[in-house]
Amino acid sequence: LKDRSLLGKVYVADVGDKASQVPSSCRAPIVVDRHVPNQPLMSRVVEESAESTPCTTLFCDLGGGIVACRPVTGKTHQIRVHLSHMGSPIQGDVLYGGAGTSEGRLRLHAHCYRVKDPNQGTSVDFISPMLPT
């Protein structure tokens, strides 16, 4: 997809018993650390500076430990970094402080992509149901 056709994305994240602690938004600047060979790429929240990117993520508690996440900006690992920064890391996200899971995977799911139909000019949603826990 070309960036100009992508209108929005919504993810769902399992943050366990910390879902009620997640505010409705996070506006914290993020910087991507320089990549070190054989190490995972990481981002982090920093004070505003020339090197940081202002980032906004919107959140909604869906119940059962699940939070809907809509990145307004699109920085590497933005949702993961913002949730961790707020003390609610995603289950399975051991890179950003989350507890490991029995299935050994990150409990973050791309739930909906909204794109502009180039022929009709209308928006189209592509929805992927969540995997069972």
C-alpha atoms as a PDB file:
ATOM      1  CA  LEU A   1       0.000   0.000   0.000  1.00  0.00           C
ATOM      2  CA  LYS A   2       1.204   3.452  -0.775  1.00  0.00           C
ATOM      3  CA  ASP A   3       1.133   5.853   2.166  1.00  0.00           C
ATOM      4  CA  ARG A   4      -1.341   8.184   0.452  1.00  0.00           C
ATOM      5  CA  SER A   5      -3.964   5.424   0.256  1.00  0.00           C
ATOM      6  CA  LEU A   6      -3.656   4.362   3.910  1.00  0.00           C
ATOM      7  CA  LEU A   7      -6.170   6.317   5.995  1.00  0.00           C
ATOM      8  CA  GLY A   8      -5.757   4.641   9.369  1.00  0.00           C
ATOM      9  CA  LYS A   9      -4.754   1.592  11.381  1.00  0.00           C
ATOM     10  CA  VAL A  10      -6.142   0.098  14.569  1.00  0.00           C
ATOM     11  CA  TYR A  11      -4.314  -2.514  16.601  1.00  0.00           C
ATOM     12  CA  VAL A  12      -5.389  -4.439  19.683  1.00  0.00           C
ATOM     13  CA  ALA A  13      -2.947  -5.238  22.465  1.00  0.00           C
ATOM     14  CA  ASP A  14      -3.194  -7.529  25.477  1.00  0.00           C
ATOM     15  CA  VAL A  15      -1.790  -5.643  28.470  1.00  0.00           C
ATOM     16  CA  GLY A  16      -3.285  -7.964  31.071  1.00  0.00           C
ATOM     17  CA  ASP A  17      -4.463  -6.421  34.314  1.00  0.00           C
ATOM     18  CA  LYS A  18      -2.933  -3.038  33.422  1.00  0.00           C
ATOM     19  CA  ALA A  19      -5.559  -2.066  30.807  1.00  0.00           C
ATOM     20  CA  SER A  20      -7.448   0.197  33.214  1.00  0.00           C
ATOM     21  CA  GLN A  21      -4.236   2.197  33.798  1.00  0.00           C
ATOM     22  CA  VAL A  22      -3.869   3.139  30.120  1.00  0.00           C
ATOM     23  CA  PRO A  23      -4.975   6.741  29.445  1.00  0.00           C
ATOM     24  CA  SER A  24      -6.899   7.672  26.290  1.00  0.00           C
ATOM     25  CA  SER A  25      -3.761   9.003  24.596  1.00  0.00           C
ATOM     26  CA  CYS A  26      -0.001   9.252  24.822  1.00  0.00           C
ATOM     27  CA  ARG A  27       1.877  12.159  23.285  1.00  0.00           C
ATOM     28  CA  ALA A  28       5.486  11.302  24.003  1.00  0.00           C
ATOM     29  CA  PRO A  29       8.409  11.881  21.632  1.00  0.00           C
ATOM     30  CA  ILE A  30      10.256   8.786  20.434  1.00  0.00           C
ATOM     31  CA  VAL A  31      13.740   8.227  19.095  1.00  0.00           C
ATOM     32  CA  VAL A  32      14.932   5.051  17.360  1.00  0.00           C
ATOM     33  CA  ASP A  33      18.287   3.891  18.700  1.00  0.00           C
ATOM     34  CA  ARG A  34      20.952   3.222  16.126  1.00  0.00           C
ATOM     35  CA  HIS A  35      20.959  -0.404  15.099  1.00  0.00           C
ATOM     36  CA  VAL A  36      23.637  -2.575  16.671  1.00  0.00           C
ATOM     37  CA  PRO A  37      24.469  -5.728  14.674  1.00  0.00           C
ATOM     38  CA  ASN A  38      22.931  -8.900  16.178  1.00  0.00           C
ATOM     39  CA  GLN A  39      20.712  -6.815  18.485  1.00  0.00           C
ATOM     40  CA  PRO A  40      17.003  -6.047  18.040  1.00  0.00           C
ATOM     41  CA  LEU A  41      16.070  -2.564  16.833  1.00  0.00           C
ATOM     42  CA  MET A  42      14.723  -0.503  19.744  1.00  0.00           C
ATOM     43  CA  SER A  43      12.959   2.815  20.203  1.00  0.00           C
ATOM     44  CA  ARG A  44      12.480   4.817  23.392  1.00  0.00           C
ATOM     45  CA  VAL A  45      10.604   7.791  24.795  1.00  0.00           C
ATOM     46  CA  VAL A  46      12.821  10.842  25.282  1.00  0.00           C
ATOM     47  CA  GLU A  47      12.544  14.522  26.087  1.00  0.00           C
ATOM     48  CA  GLU A  48      11.646  16.618  23.060  1.00  0.00           C
ATOM     49  CA  SER A  49      14.726  17.402  20.994  1.00  0.00           C
ATOM     50  CA  ALA A  50      15.906  17.833  17.412  1.00  0.00           C
ATOM     51  CA  GLU A  51      16.537  14.060  17.224  1.00  0.00           C
ATOM     52  CA  SER A  52      13.151  12.990  18.587  1.00  0.00           C
ATOM     53  CA  THR A  53       9.897  12.637  16.678  1.00  0.00           C
ATOM     54  CA  PRO A  54       6.657  13.879  18.267  1.00  0.00           C
ATOM     55  CA  CYS A  55       4.392  10.814  18.440  1.00  0.00           C
ATOM     56  CA  THR A  56       0.749  10.359  19.382  1.00  0.00           C
ATOM     57  CA  THR A  57      -1.098   7.106  20.029  1.00  0.00           C
ATOM     58  CA  LEU A  58      -4.789   6.914  20.978  1.00  0.00           C
ATOM     59  CA  PHE A  59      -6.027   4.139  23.279  1.00  0.00           C
ATOM     60  CA  CYS A  60      -9.364   2.641  24.349  1.00  0.00           C
ATOM     61  CA  ASP A  61      -9.840  -0.033  27.031  1.00  0.00           C
ATOM     62  CA  LEU A  62     -11.946  -2.806  25.454  1.00  0.00           C
ATOM     63  CA  GLY A  63     -12.136  -4.893  28.633  1.00  0.00           C
ATOM     64  CA  GLY A  64     -10.554  -8.218  29.486  1.00  0.00           C
ATOM     65  CA  GLY A  65      -7.060  -6.736  29.435  1.00  0.00           C
ATOM     66  CA  ILE A  66      -7.378  -5.705  25.770  1.00  0.00           C
ATOM     67  CA  VAL A  67      -6.644  -2.159  24.597  1.00  0.00           C
ATOM     68  CA  ALA A  68      -7.415  -0.730  21.145  1.00  0.00           C
ATOM     69  CA  CYS A  69      -4.473   1.325  19.866  1.00  0.00           C
ATOM     70  CA  ARG A  70      -4.493   3.834  17.028  1.00  0.00           C
ATOM     71  CA  PRO A  71      -1.149   5.367  16.113  1.00  0.00           C
ATOM     72  CA  VAL A  72      -1.673   8.902  14.798  1.00  0.00           C
ATOM     73  CA  THR A  73       1.978   9.055  13.817  1.00  0.00           C
ATOM     74  CA  GLY A  74       3.997   6.059  12.678  1.00  0.00           C
ATOM     75  CA  LYS A  75       7.323   5.561  14.419  1.00  0.00           C
ATOM     76  CA  THR A  76       9.134   2.222  14.820  1.00  0.00           C
ATOM     77  CA  HIS A  77       7.573   0.241  17.707  1.00  0.00           C
ATOM     78  CA  GLN A  78       5.454   3.286  18.650  1.00  0.00           C
ATOM     79  CA  ILE A  79       2.581   1.381  20.296  1.00  0.00           C
ATOM     80  CA  ARG A  80       4.946  -0.930  22.152  1.00  0.00           C
ATOM     81  CA  VAL A  81       7.087   1.967  23.382  1.00  0.00           C
ATOM     82  CA  HIS A  82       4.145   4.138  24.467  1.00  0.00           C
ATOM     83  CA  LEU A  83       2.415   1.318  26.377  1.00  0.00           C
ATOM     84  CA  SER A  84       5.668   0.366  28.104  1.00  0.00           C
ATOM     85  CA  HIS A  85       6.382   4.023  28.917  1.00  0.00           C
ATOM     86  CA  MET A  86       2.972   4.251  30.625  1.00  0.00           C
ATOM     87  CA  GLY A  87       3.637   1.144  32.723  1.00  0.00           C
ATOM     88  CA  SER A  88       1.402  -1.189  30.689  1.00  0.00           C
ATOM     89  CA  PRO A  89       3.696  -3.266  28.449  1.00  0.00           C
ATOM     90  CA  ILE A  90       2.151  -5.712  26.002  1.00  0.00           C
ATOM     91  CA  GLN A  91       2.018  -9.358  27.066  1.00  0.00           C
ATOM     92  CA  GLY A  92       4.822 -11.261  25.354  1.00  0.00           C
ATOM     93  CA  ASP A  93       6.813  -8.094  24.629  1.00  0.00           C
ATOM     94  CA  VAL A  94       9.989  -9.037  26.467  1.00  0.00           C
ATOM     95  CA  LEU A  95      11.922  -6.368  24.520  1.00  0.00           C
ATOM     96  CA  TYR A  96       9.904  -3.584  26.171  1.00  0.00           C
ATOM     97  CA  GLY A  97       9.224  -5.077  29.599  1.00  0.00           C
ATOM     98  CA  GLY A  98       6.226  -7.310  28.996  1.00  0.00           C
ATOM     99  CA  ALA A  99       5.832 -10.735  30.556  1.00  0.00           C
ATOM    100  CA  GLY A 100       6.500 -13.741  28.354  1.00  0.00           C
ATOM    101  CA  THR A 101       3.505 -15.758  27.161  1.00  0.00           C
ATOM    102  CA  SER A 102       2.924 -19.502  26.969  1.00  0.00           C
ATOM    103  CA  GLU A 103       2.577 -19.291  23.185  1.00  0.00           C
ATOM    104  CA  GLY A 104       5.824 -17.313  22.970  1.00  0.00           C
ATOM    105  CA  ARG A 105       4.488 -14.434  20.903  1.00  0.00           C
ATOM    106  CA  LEU A 106       3.771 -10.743  21.169  1.00  0.00           C
ATOM    107  CA  ARG A 107       0.086 -10.130  21.967  1.00  0.00           C
ATOM    108  CA  LEU A 108      -0.280  -7.199  19.535  1.00  0.00           C
ATOM    109  CA  HIS A 109      -2.620  -7.648  16.589  1.00  0.00           C
ATOM    110  CA  ALA A 110      -3.228  -5.499  13.480  1.00  0.00           C
ATOM    111  CA  HIS A 111      -7.023  -5.439  13.668  1.00  0.00           C
ATOM    112  CA  CYS A 112      -8.112  -2.926  11.010  1.00  0.00           C
ATOM    113  CA  TYR A 113      -6.533  -1.073   8.102  1.00  0.00           C
ATOM    114  CA  ARG A 114      -8.594   1.627   6.409  1.00  0.00           C
ATOM    115  CA  VAL A 115      -7.556   2.485   2.867  1.00  0.00           C
ATOM    116  CA  LYS A 116      -8.882   4.751   0.177  1.00  0.00           C
ATOM    117  CA  ASP A 117     -10.320   2.903  -2.802  1.00  0.00           C
ATOM    118  CA  PRO A 118      -8.525   4.497  -5.779  1.00  0.00           C
ATOM    119  CA  ASN A 119     -11.450   3.791  -8.135  1.00  0.00           C
ATOM    120  CA  GLN A 120     -14.385   4.829  -5.967  1.00  0.00           C
ATOM    121  CA  GLY A 121     -12.751   7.426  -3.716  1.00  0.00           C
ATOM    122  CA  THR A 122     -14.410   5.848  -0.688  1.00  0.00           C
ATOM    123  CA  SER A 123     -12.754   4.204   2.283  1.00  0.00           C
ATOM    124  CA  VAL A 124     -12.530   0.435   2.660  1.00  0.00           C
ATOM    125  CA  ASP A 125     -11.810  -1.385   5.926  1.00  0.00           C
ATOM    126  CA  PHE A 126      -9.797  -4.600   6.042  1.00  0.00           C
ATOM    127  CA  ILE A 127     -10.523  -6.306   9.365  1.00  0.00           C
ATOM    128  CA  SER A 128      -8.662  -9.257  10.814  1.00  0.00           C
ATOM    129  CA  PRO A 129     -10.265 -10.994  13.809  1.00  0.00           C
ATOM    130  CA  MET A 130      -8.146 -11.539  16.891  1.00  0.00           C
ATOM    131  CA  LEU A 131      -6.651 -14.935  17.585  1.00  0.00           C
ATOM    132  CA  PRO A 132      -8.125 -16.728  20.596  1.00  0.00           C
ATOM    133  CA  THR A 133      -6.081 -16.527  23.785  1.00  0.00           C
END
